[in-house]
Amino acid sequence: MVKGTASMGKKAGKSKFVIRCRRCGKRSYHAKKKKCSSCGFGNSSKLRTYSWKKKKTFPKIIKK
């Protein structure tokens, strides 16, 4: 069994492909794919959103 703690040190410096996004500011822009996985920059002009990501809001019931 070779893949253990010694292999974990070889992972340093692998983050050069994922850099900070210009539009959302998160570290999720893939430099090789030229697109952001968080906001969709480089893929479309619209922001990347999904209905399952939004928090459900219920109407306020005002009691008299």
C-alpha atoms as a PDB file:
ATOM      1  CA  MET A   1       0.000   0.000   0.000  1.00  0.00           C
ATOM      2  CA  VAL A   2       1.805   3.088  -1.236  1.00  0.00           C
ATOM      3  CA  LYS A   3      -0.952   5.712  -1.481  1.00  0.00           C
ATOM      4  CA  GLY A   4      -0.892   7.119   2.006  1.00  0.00           C
ATOM      5  CA  THR A   5       0.425  10.092   3.941  1.00  0.00           C
ATOM      6  CA  ALA A   6       3.573  10.370   1.825  1.00  0.00           C
ATOM      7  CA  SER A   7       1.496  10.981  -1.301  1.00  0.00           C
ATOM      8  CA  MET A   8      -0.381  13.873   0.308  1.00  0.00           C
ATOM      9  CA  GLY A   9       2.695  16.119   0.165  1.00  0.00           C
ATOM     10  CA  LYS A  10       2.833  15.814  -3.626  1.00  0.00           C
ATOM     11  CA  LYS A  11      -0.520  17.610  -3.974  1.00  0.00           C
ATOM     12  CA  ALA A  12       1.048  21.047  -3.339  1.00  0.00           C
ATOM     13  CA  GLY A  13       0.991  23.465  -6.270  1.00  0.00           C
ATOM     14  CA  LYS A  14      -1.906  21.805  -8.099  1.00  0.00           C
ATOM     15  CA  SER A  15      -4.223  24.802  -7.692  1.00  0.00           C
ATOM     16  CA  LYS A  16      -2.922  26.811 -10.673  1.00  0.00           C
ATOM     17  CA  PHE A  17      -5.894  25.822 -12.858  1.00  0.00           C
ATOM     18  CA  VAL A  18      -8.584  27.079 -10.464  1.00  0.00           C
ATOM     19  CA  ILE A  19      -8.150  30.823  -9.917  1.00  0.00           C
ATOM     20  CA  ARG A  20     -10.289  33.704  -8.632  1.00  0.00           C
ATOM     21  CA  CYS A  21     -13.265  34.647 -10.806  1.00  0.00           C
ATOM     22  CA  ARG A  22     -13.517  38.217 -12.150  1.00  0.00           C
ATOM     23  CA  ARG A  23     -17.303  38.373 -11.832  1.00  0.00           C
ATOM     24  CA  CYS A  24     -18.177  36.665  -8.533  1.00  0.00           C
ATOM     25  CA  GLY A  25     -14.777  36.818  -6.792  1.00  0.00           C
ATOM     26  CA  LYS A  26     -14.865  33.194  -5.673  1.00  0.00           C
ATOM     27  CA  ARG A  27     -11.992  30.792  -6.271  1.00  0.00           C
ATOM     28  CA  SER A  28     -13.909  28.743  -8.808  1.00  0.00           C
ATOM     29  CA  TYR A  29     -12.772  29.946 -12.256  1.00  0.00           C
ATOM     30  CA  HIS A  30     -11.115  27.102 -14.174  1.00  0.00           C
ATOM     31  CA  ALA A  31      -8.282  28.554 -16.256  1.00  0.00           C
ATOM     32  CA  LYS A  32      -8.146  25.670 -18.747  1.00  0.00           C
ATOM     33  CA  LYS A  33     -11.914  25.425 -19.261  1.00  0.00           C
ATOM     34  CA  LYS A  34     -12.266  29.254 -19.191  1.00  0.00           C
ATOM     35  CA  LYS A  35     -15.448  29.150 -17.110  1.00  0.00           C
ATOM     36  CA  CYS A  36     -16.498  29.702 -13.505  1.00  0.00           C
ATOM     37  CA  SER A  37     -18.259  26.845 -11.777  1.00  0.00           C
ATOM     38  CA  SER A  38     -19.951  29.161  -9.292  1.00  0.00           C
ATOM     39  CA  CYS A  39     -21.478  31.976 -11.363  1.00  0.00           C
ATOM     40  CA  GLY A  40     -21.103  30.654 -14.931  1.00  0.00           C
ATOM     41  CA  PHE A  41     -18.756  33.411 -16.151  1.00  0.00           C
ATOM     42  CA  GLY A  42     -17.265  32.490 -19.517  1.00  0.00           C
ATOM     43  CA  ASN A  43     -20.115  30.135 -20.249  1.00  0.00           C
ATOM     44  CA  SER A  44     -23.029  32.582 -20.415  1.00  0.00           C
ATOM     45  CA  SER A  45     -23.848  36.230 -19.800  1.00  0.00           C
ATOM     46  CA  LYS A  46     -26.501  35.299 -17.224  1.00  0.00           C
ATOM     47  CA  LEU A  47     -25.646  34.321 -13.656  1.00  0.00           C
ATOM     48  CA  ARG A  48     -25.720  30.613 -12.952  1.00  0.00           C
ATOM     49  CA  THR A  49     -28.724  29.959 -10.674  1.00  0.00           C
ATOM     50  CA  TYR A  50     -30.938  26.982  -9.920  1.00  0.00           C
ATOM     51  CA  SER A  51     -34.371  26.751  -8.324  1.00  0.00           C
ATOM     52  CA  TRP A  52     -33.190  24.183  -5.778  1.00  0.00           C
ATOM     53  CA  LYS A  53     -30.500  26.596  -4.585  1.00  0.00           C
ATOM     54  CA  LYS A  54     -32.901  29.395  -3.662  1.00  0.00           C
ATOM     55  CA  LYS A  55     -34.370  29.544  -0.187  1.00  0.00           C
ATOM     56  CA  LYS A  56     -38.138  29.193  -0.118  1.00  0.00           C
ATOM     57  CA  THR A  57     -40.017  32.273   1.062  1.00  0.00           C
ATOM     58  CA  PHE A  58     -43.518  32.080   2.453  1.00  0.00           C
ATOM     59  CA  PRO A  59     -46.023  34.953   2.522  1.00  0.00           C
ATOM     60  CA  LYS A  60     -46.344  36.744   5.845  1.00  0.00           C
ATOM     61  CA  ILE A  61     -49.722  36.301   7.498  1.00  0.00           C
ATOM     62  CA  ILE A  62     -50.745  39.445   9.374  1.00  0.00           C
ATOM     63  CA  LYS A  63     -53.096  38.679  12.252  1.00  0.00           C
ATOM     64  CA  LYS A  64     -55.490  41.392  13.399  1.00  0.00           C
END
